[in-house]
């Protein structure tokens, strides 16, 4: 794992004082958080982002105000001053964006990325369009590429945007596949133990994960309707959730030895993952703690909780942190990890800005603390 300090040192000559950014799909929950973070980012104070809708879905080919879509972004002196314009290639070209954030549906991102890269615009894609390298895992999205050969080349080029795991690739990349929210919580909890060879995979790994409703997106369905969610807790897509492939690929796990079960919580935002593993050899809590802390010593947005204090959703919502904690059984082998994050921030928009910081040589946590 490359440290942020090493990456920044290697890219010192290319550090820019500011960048020109654009967001496509700013009307969604993650898009709104992206807008908030970029509007307050210290490197972007001179030039606000270009805000674009998903091909005018918000206003029938007319521009609208960002603050009308997201009233929480309005200031005391001006309630509506940033336009959200219908997407157009000409507008994007005239803007001269250095990087574009895609908060778009998976199939839209899959279709648009080749043209964006052709225009020399670096891309941070918040969808699942480019996260998965293995065809069997990617099949869950059912993509039909207009140019399969080109899509295959870009797929190999895409960097998986987990800053704690792929710092160098992100810094040098032009196509960053922002990780899924569930996947981020599970991968960050398990990665140190996997790298250290501490897990006995023959006993399997179980990841029991719960998310707030905003993880399902802004458009309500029968499943996410208030009457179904309120006062309820439900499991779904037990053997077929699209984030499973990310976890398997990034950690090098065997699908037969890993079970990921997502649940829908009756809260707006936040993810809590409870992960059950068995260790190869009996260990002490201090050894597990050292493994986690040493792995993330250069990661400013991962916080390790001292056992037996476990992370809670209320301590991470509206922050860009991932909190990780654990408890170890008296036998020293049965380990329970708990990982918490805000699905709209560290699980989406915050991680996307973290990736932008690395791409342009900024401090990894700039605009996020």
Protein backbone atom coordinates (compact mmCIF):
# COMPACT_ATOMS: atom_id res chain seq x y z
CA UNK A 1 0.00 0.00 0.00
CA UNK A 2 1.41 3.41 -0.99
CA UNK A 3 1.21 6.15 1.60
CA UNK A 4 -0.38 9.47 0.75
CA UNK A 5 2.86 11.26 1.62
CA UNK A 6 4.79 9.21 -0.94
CA UNK A 7 2.24 9.85 -3.66
CA UNK A 8 2.15 13.59 -2.99
CA UNK A 9 5.93 13.77 -2.99
CA UNK A 10 6.10 11.98 -6.34
CA UNK A 11 3.51 14.32 -7.83
CA UNK A 12 4.72 17.56 -6.26
CA UNK A 13 5.63 19.15 -9.56
CA UNK A 14 2.12 18.63 -10.94
CA UNK A 15 0.20 20.09 -7.98
CA UNK A 16 -2.33 22.69 -9.15
CA UNK A 17 -3.65 25.50 -7.01
CA UNK A 18 -7.16 24.88 -8.29
CA UNK A 19 -9.02 22.68 -10.76
CA UNK A 20 -12.12 23.14 -12.88
CA UNK A 21 -14.74 20.59 -11.89
CA UNK A 22 -18.14 19.51 -13.15
CA UNK A 23 -20.84 17.33 -11.61
CA UNK A 24 -23.34 15.43 -13.73
CA UNK A 25 -26.40 14.24 -11.83
CA UNK A 26 -26.23 16.85 -9.08
CA UNK A 27 -29.93 16.41 -8.29
CA UNK A 28 -29.44 13.13 -6.39
CA UNK A 29 -28.43 12.60 -2.77
CA UNK A 30 -24.78 11.89 -3.55
CA UNK A 31 -24.76 14.70 -6.13
CA UNK A 32 -26.01 17.14 -3.51
CA UNK A 33 -23.26 16.12 -1.09
CA UNK A 34 -20.69 16.48 -3.86
CA UNK A 35 -21.92 20.00 -4.56
CA UNK A 36 -21.65 20.93 -0.88
CA UNK A 37 -18.12 19.55 -0.53
CA UNK A 38 -16.81 21.12 -3.74
CA UNK A 39 -18.38 24.52 -3.03
CA UNK A 40 -16.47 24.63 0.28
CA UNK A 41 -13.25 23.00 -0.94
CA UNK A 42 -10.29 25.34 -0.31
CA UNK A 43 -8.77 24.59 -3.72
CA UNK A 44 -11.97 25.46 -5.58
CA UNK A 45 -12.75 28.82 -3.97
CA UNK A 46 -11.89 30.71 -7.18
CA UNK A 47 -13.97 28.61 -9.57
CA UNK A 48 -17.20 26.94 -8.47
CA UNK A 49 -18.09 23.63 -10.13
CA UNK A 50 -20.24 23.41 -13.25
CA UNK A 51 -23.49 21.78 -12.14
CA UNK A 52 -25.27 19.63 -14.68
CA UNK A 53 -28.47 17.62 -14.48
CA UNK A 54 -29.02 14.22 -16.02
CA UNK A 55 -29.94 15.50 -19.47
CA UNK A 56 -32.41 18.06 -18.15
CA UNK A 57 -34.49 15.62 -16.12
CA UNK A 58 -34.89 18.24 -13.40
CA UNK A 59 -36.31 21.04 -15.51
CA UNK A 60 -37.49 19.98 -18.95
CA UNK A 61 -34.60 21.58 -20.86
CA UNK A 62 -34.47 24.69 -18.64
CA UNK A 63 -31.87 25.49 -16.01
CA UNK A 64 -32.78 25.42 -12.33
CA UNK A 65 -31.06 26.63 -9.18
CA UNK A 66 -28.93 24.26 -7.16
CA UNK A 67 -30.32 25.70 -3.95
CA UNK A 68 -33.85 24.88 -5.08
CA UNK A 69 -32.87 21.25 -5.58
CA UNK A 70 -30.93 21.21 -2.30
CA UNK A 71 -32.25 23.98 -0.01
CA UNK A 72 -29.67 23.10 2.64
CA UNK A 73 -27.00 24.63 0.37
CA UNK A 74 -28.55 28.10 0.38
CA UNK A 75 -26.65 30.86 2.15
CA UNK A 76 -28.09 33.57 4.40
CA UNK A 77 -27.34 36.30 1.84
CA UNK A 78 -28.40 34.50 -1.34
CA UNK A 79 -30.96 31.71 -1.38
CA UNK A 80 -30.29 30.64 -4.99
CA UNK A 81 -27.19 31.60 -6.95
CA UNK A 82 -25.82 28.44 -8.61
CA UNK A 83 -27.42 27.20 -11.81
CA UNK A 84 -27.94 23.54 -12.63
CA UNK A 85 -27.93 23.38 -16.39
CA UNK A 86 -29.20 20.64 -18.69
CA UNK A 87 -26.36 18.39 -19.75
CA UNK A 88 -24.79 19.19 -23.10
CA UNK A 89 -21.48 18.17 -24.61
CA UNK A 90 -20.90 21.67 -25.95
CA UNK A 91 -21.38 23.23 -22.53
CA UNK A 92 -18.96 20.78 -21.00
CA UNK A 93 -16.37 21.43 -23.71
CA UNK A 94 -16.69 25.22 -23.34
CA UNK A 95 -16.26 24.91 -19.56
CA UNK A 96 -12.88 23.19 -19.95
CA UNK A 97 -13.26 20.83 -17.00
CA UNK A 98 -10.16 19.14 -15.58
CA UNK A 99 -12.29 16.47 -13.91
CA UNK A 100 -15.93 15.45 -14.03
CA UNK A 101 -17.87 13.62 -11.34
CA UNK A 102 -20.56 11.28 -12.65
CA UNK A 103 -23.42 10.80 -10.17
CA UNK A 104 -25.38 9.05 -12.89
CA UNK A 105 -27.05 5.65 -13.37
CA UNK A 106 -24.67 2.78 -14.11
CA UNK A 107 -25.62 2.43 -17.77
CA UNK A 108 -25.25 6.19 -18.39
CA UNK A 109 -21.74 6.22 -16.95
CA UNK A 110 -20.82 3.17 -18.98
CA UNK A 111 -21.98 4.93 -22.15
CA UNK A 112 -20.51 8.38 -21.52
CA UNK A 113 -17.04 7.66 -20.13
CA UNK A 114 -15.36 6.82 -23.47
CA UNK A 115 -16.41 10.19 -24.94
CA UNK A 116 -15.34 12.08 -21.81
CA UNK A 117 -11.89 10.53 -21.89
CA UNK A 118 -11.67 11.29 -25.61
CA UNK A 119 -12.15 14.96 -24.63
CA UNK A 120 -9.22 14.64 -22.18
CA UNK A 121 -11.45 15.06 -19.13
CA UNK A 122 -10.51 12.93 -16.13
CA UNK A 123 -13.47 11.05 -14.66
CA UNK A 124 -14.51 10.08 -11.15
CA UNK A 125 -17.51 7.82 -11.57
CA UNK A 126 -19.75 7.23 -8.56
CA UNK A 127 -21.74 4.47 -10.28
CA UNK A 128 -20.82 0.82 -10.57
CA UNK A 129 -20.07 1.06 -14.28
CA UNK A 130 -16.28 0.56 -14.08
CA UNK A 131 -15.65 -1.00 -10.66
CA UNK A 132 -15.51 -4.66 -11.63
CA UNK A 133 -12.72 -6.25 -13.65
CA UNK A 134 -14.10 -9.79 -13.79
CA UNK A 135 -16.80 -10.43 -16.37
CA UNK A 136 -18.71 -12.81 -14.09
CA UNK A 137 -18.97 -10.16 -11.38
CA UNK A 138 -19.85 -7.39 -13.85
CA UNK A 139 -22.68 -9.45 -15.33
CA UNK A 140 -25.01 -8.20 -12.56
CA UNK A 141 -25.21 -4.84 -14.38
CA UNK A 142 -26.08 -6.36 -17.79
CA UNK A 143 -24.09 -3.76 -19.76
CA UNK A 144 -24.30 -3.73 -23.55
CA UNK A 145 -21.30 -1.74 -24.83
CA UNK A 146 -21.47 0.04 -28.18
CA UNK A 147 -17.76 -0.71 -28.68
CA UNK A 148 -16.89 -3.81 -26.62
CA UNK A 149 -13.18 -3.66 -27.48
CA UNK A 150 -12.88 -0.04 -26.32
CA UNK A 151 -14.91 -0.74 -23.19
CA UNK A 152 -12.61 -3.66 -22.37
CA UNK A 153 -9.51 -1.45 -22.69
CA UNK A 154 -11.01 1.24 -20.48
CA UNK A 155 -12.13 -1.36 -17.96
CA UNK A 156 -8.55 -2.54 -17.54
CA UNK A 157 -7.42 1.07 -17.17
CA UNK A 158 -10.01 2.00 -14.52
CA UNK A 159 -8.56 2.47 -11.05
CA UNK A 160 -10.65 1.26 -8.13
CA UNK A 161 -11.05 4.44 -6.09
CA UNK A 162 -10.26 3.24 -2.58
CA UNK A 163 -7.59 5.75 -1.48
CA UNK A 164 -6.44 3.57 1.41
CA UNK A 165 -5.68 0.69 -0.98
CA UNK A 166 -4.84 2.23 -4.38
CA UNK A 167 -3.25 5.59 -3.73
CA UNK A 168 -0.73 5.53 -6.62
CA UNK A 169 -3.18 4.24 -9.21
CA UNK A 170 -5.70 6.94 -8.30
CA UNK A 171 -3.10 9.72 -8.43
CA UNK A 172 -2.01 8.67 -11.92
CA UNK A 173 -5.43 7.64 -13.23
CA UNK A 174 -7.80 9.31 -15.64
CA UNK A 175 -10.77 7.00 -14.88
CA UNK A 176 -11.55 6.38 -11.22
CA UNK A 177 -14.29 3.94 -10.29
CA UNK A 178 -15.57 5.18 -6.94
CA UNK A 179 -16.29 2.18 -4.66
CA UNK A 180 -19.73 1.19 -3.50
CA UNK A 181 -20.79 2.21 0.00
CA UNK A 182 -21.36 -1.30 1.35
CA UNK A 183 -18.15 -2.49 -0.28
CA UNK A 184 -16.12 0.32 1.29
CA UNK A 185 -17.25 -0.57 4.80
CA UNK A 186 -16.43 -4.26 4.40
CA UNK A 187 -13.19 -3.89 2.43
CA UNK A 188 -11.64 -1.37 4.82
CA UNK A 189 -12.41 -3.57 7.83
CA UNK A 190 -10.97 -6.75 6.31
CA UNK A 191 -8.04 -5.49 4.20
CA UNK A 192 -5.46 -5.27 7.04
CA UNK A 193 -6.21 -8.81 8.23
CA UNK A 194 -6.18 -10.24 4.71
CA UNK A 195 -2.83 -8.62 3.91
CA UNK A 196 -1.37 -9.89 7.18
CA UNK A 197 -2.53 -13.46 6.45
CA UNK A 198 -4.38 -13.66 9.75
CA UNK A 199 -7.74 -15.08 8.57
CA UNK A 200 -8.62 -18.77 8.48
CA UNK A 201 -10.66 -18.78 5.28
CA UNK A 202 -11.75 -22.40 5.70
CA UNK A 203 -14.26 -21.19 8.30
CA UNK A 204 -15.65 -18.58 5.92
CA UNK A 205 -16.36 -14.89 6.40
CA UNK A 206 -19.80 -13.46 7.12
CA UNK A 207 -20.50 -9.77 6.52
CA UNK A 208 -23.84 -8.68 8.00
CA UNK A 209 -24.36 -5.13 6.77
CA UNK A 210 -27.10 -2.55 7.33
CA UNK A 211 -27.71 0.73 5.48
CA UNK A 212 -29.93 3.76 5.71
CA UNK A 213 -32.52 4.31 2.98
CA UNK A 214 -30.59 7.01 1.09
CA UNK A 215 -28.29 4.26 -0.19
CA UNK A 216 -31.10 3.19 -2.50
CA UNK A 217 -31.12 6.56 -4.30
CA UNK A 218 -33.54 9.46 -4.53
CA UNK A 219 -36.32 7.82 -6.54
CA UNK A 220 -38.62 5.93 -4.21
CA UNK A 221 -39.72 2.35 -4.87
CA UNK A 222 -42.20 0.09 -3.15
CA UNK A 223 -39.31 -1.27 -1.06
CA UNK A 224 -38.02 2.15 0.02
CA UNK A 225 -41.41 3.81 0.50
CA UNK A 226 -41.86 5.22 4.03
CA UNK A 227 -44.74 2.89 4.85
CA UNK A 228 -42.51 -0.13 4.15
CA UNK A 229 -39.33 1.15 5.78
CA UNK A 230 -40.56 2.87 8.95
CA UNK A 231 -40.47 0.57 11.98
CA UNK A 232 -39.01 -2.21 9.86
CA UNK A 233 -35.71 -4.01 9.18
CA UNK A 234 -35.34 -6.18 6.10
CA UNK A 235 -32.68 -8.23 4.35
CA UNK A 236 -32.48 -8.19 0.56
CA UNK A 237 -30.44 -9.54 -2.37
CA UNK A 238 -28.90 -12.11 -0.05
CA UNK A 239 -26.95 -13.98 -2.74
CA UNK A 240 -26.88 -11.42 -5.52
CA UNK A 241 -26.03 -7.90 -4.33
CA UNK A 242 -23.93 -5.99 -6.86
CA UNK A 243 -21.35 -4.92 -4.25
CA UNK A 244 -20.38 -8.53 -3.53
CA UNK A 245 -18.11 -8.69 -6.58
CA UNK A 246 -16.20 -5.61 -5.45
CA UNK A 247 -15.44 -7.15 -2.09
CA UNK A 248 -14.33 -10.44 -3.63
CA UNK A 249 -12.08 -8.77 -6.21
CA UNK A 250 -10.46 -6.24 -3.91
CA UNK A 251 -9.72 -8.72 -1.13
CA UNK A 252 -9.02 -11.75 -3.33
CA UNK A 253 -11.71 -13.80 -1.61
CA UNK A 254 -13.39 -16.99 -2.82
CA UNK A 255 -17.14 -16.59 -3.26
CA UNK A 256 -17.70 -19.99 -1.64
CA UNK A 257 -16.12 -18.76 1.60
CA UNK A 258 -17.79 -15.37 1.82
CA UNK A 259 -21.35 -14.37 2.65
CA UNK A 260 -22.52 -10.76 2.31
CA UNK A 261 -26.03 -9.96 3.49
CA UNK A 262 -27.32 -6.36 3.16
CA UNK A 263 -30.21 -4.99 5.22
CA UNK A 264 -32.33 -1.86 4.97
CA UNK A 265 -32.47 0.25 8.13
CA UNK A 266 -35.33 2.70 8.86
CA UNK A 267 -32.91 5.66 9.05
CA UNK A 268 -31.93 8.23 6.38
CA UNK A 269 -28.19 7.53 6.15
CA UNK A 270 -25.31 5.52 7.57
CA UNK A 271 -23.90 2.00 7.25
CA UNK A 272 -22.90 -0.48 9.93
CA UNK A 273 -21.15 -3.71 8.96
CA UNK A 274 -20.68 -6.54 11.44
CA UNK A 275 -18.12 -9.00 10.08
CA UNK A 276 -17.40 -12.43 11.54
CA UNK A 277 -14.05 -14.14 10.94
CA UNK A 278 -11.92 -16.85 12.49
CA UNK A 279 -8.18 -16.25 12.87
CA UNK A 280 -5.55 -18.81 11.86
CA UNK A 281 -3.81 -18.63 15.23
CA UNK A 282 -4.82 -17.46 18.66
CA UNK A 283 -4.05 -13.76 19.07
CA UNK A 284 -4.28 -11.03 21.67
CA UNK A 285 -6.46 -7.93 21.27
CA UNK A 286 -3.33 -5.78 21.21
CA UNK A 287 -2.04 -7.70 18.17
CA UNK A 288 -5.28 -7.18 16.24
CA UNK A 289 -5.31 -3.52 17.23
CA UNK A 290 -1.72 -3.07 16.03
CA UNK A 291 -2.53 -4.74 12.71
CA UNK A 292 -5.37 -2.29 12.05
CA UNK A 293 -3.53 0.82 13.24
CA UNK A 294 -0.31 0.06 11.37
CA UNK A 295 -2.21 -0.55 8.13
CA UNK A 296 -4.02 2.80 8.38
CA UNK A 297 -1.25 4.87 9.97
CA UNK A 298 -1.15 7.18 6.92
CA UNK A 299 -4.91 7.18 6.28
CA UNK A 300 -6.47 10.38 7.69
CA UNK A 301 -10.07 9.31 7.11
CA UNK A 302 -10.01 5.93 8.87
CA UNK A 303 -10.41 5.90 12.65
CA UNK A 304 -9.64 2.79 14.71
CA UNK A 305 -11.69 2.45 17.90
CA UNK A 306 -9.95 0.88 20.88
CA UNK A 307 -11.56 -2.40 21.89
CA UNK A 308 -14.09 -2.95 23.42
CA UNK A 309 -15.50 0.37 22.14
CA UNK A 310 -17.31 -0.36 18.89
CA UNK A 311 -18.23 2.12 16.14
CA UNK A 312 -21.78 3.43 15.90
CA UNK A 313 -23.63 5.05 13.03
CA UNK A 314 -24.39 8.18 15.05
CA UNK A 315 -20.66 8.92 15.31
CA UNK A 316 -19.96 8.85 11.56
CA UNK A 317 -23.03 10.35 9.87
CA UNK A 318 -22.30 13.70 8.23
CA UNK A 319 -18.54 12.94 8.43
CA UNK A 320 -16.07 11.55 5.90
CA UNK A 321 -14.64 8.97 8.29
CA UNK A 322 -14.82 5.21 8.33
CA UNK A 323 -14.68 3.95 11.93
CA UNK A 324 -13.43 0.41 12.57
CA UNK A 325 -13.49 -1.53 15.82
CA UNK A 326 -13.45 -5.14 16.99
CA UNK A 327 -13.91 -7.61 19.78
CA UNK A 328 -11.92 -10.81 20.14
CA UNK A 329 -13.27 -13.92 21.86
CA UNK A 330 -11.40 -15.37 24.83
CA UNK A 331 -10.11 -18.19 22.61
CA UNK A 332 -8.19 -15.55 20.62
CA UNK A 333 -9.54 -16.86 17.32
CA UNK A 334 -13.15 -15.72 16.92
CA UNK A 335 -13.07 -12.10 15.82
CA UNK A 336 -15.95 -9.70 15.23
CA UNK A 337 -15.19 -6.51 13.28
CA UNK A 338 -17.55 -3.53 13.19
CA UNK A 339 -17.19 -0.90 10.48
CA UNK A 340 -19.28 2.28 10.19
CA UNK A 341 -19.49 5.09 7.65
CA UNK A 342 -21.87 7.59 6.09
CA UNK A 343 -23.01 6.01 2.83
CA UNK A 344 -23.36 9.41 1.13
CA UNK A 345 -19.93 10.67 2.19
CA UNK A 346 -17.15 8.14 2.84
CA UNK A 347 -19.34 5.71 0.90
CA UNK A 348 -19.85 8.06 -2.07
CA UNK A 349 -19.28 11.84 -2.39
CA UNK A 350 -16.61 12.23 0.30
CA UNK A 351 -14.57 9.37 -1.13
CA UNK A 352 -14.93 10.90 -4.60
CA UNK A 353 -13.47 14.20 -3.35
CA UNK A 354 -10.73 12.24 -1.57
CA UNK A 355 -9.90 10.69 -4.95
CA UNK A 356 -9.88 14.12 -6.61
CA UNK A 357 -7.42 15.34 -4.00
CA UNK A 358 -5.06 12.49 -4.83
CA UNK A 359 -5.45 12.98 -8.59
CA UNK A 360 -4.35 16.61 -8.40
CA UNK A 361 -1.72 16.38 -5.68
CA UNK A 362 -3.75 18.04 -2.93
CA UNK A 363 -3.74 16.86 0.67
CA UNK A 364 -5.83 13.69 0.82
CA UNK A 365 -8.24 15.08 3.41
CA UNK A 366 -8.46 18.64 2.09
CA UNK A 367 -12.04 19.89 2.23
CA UNK A 368 -13.16 16.79 4.13
CA UNK A 369 -12.30 17.44 7.78
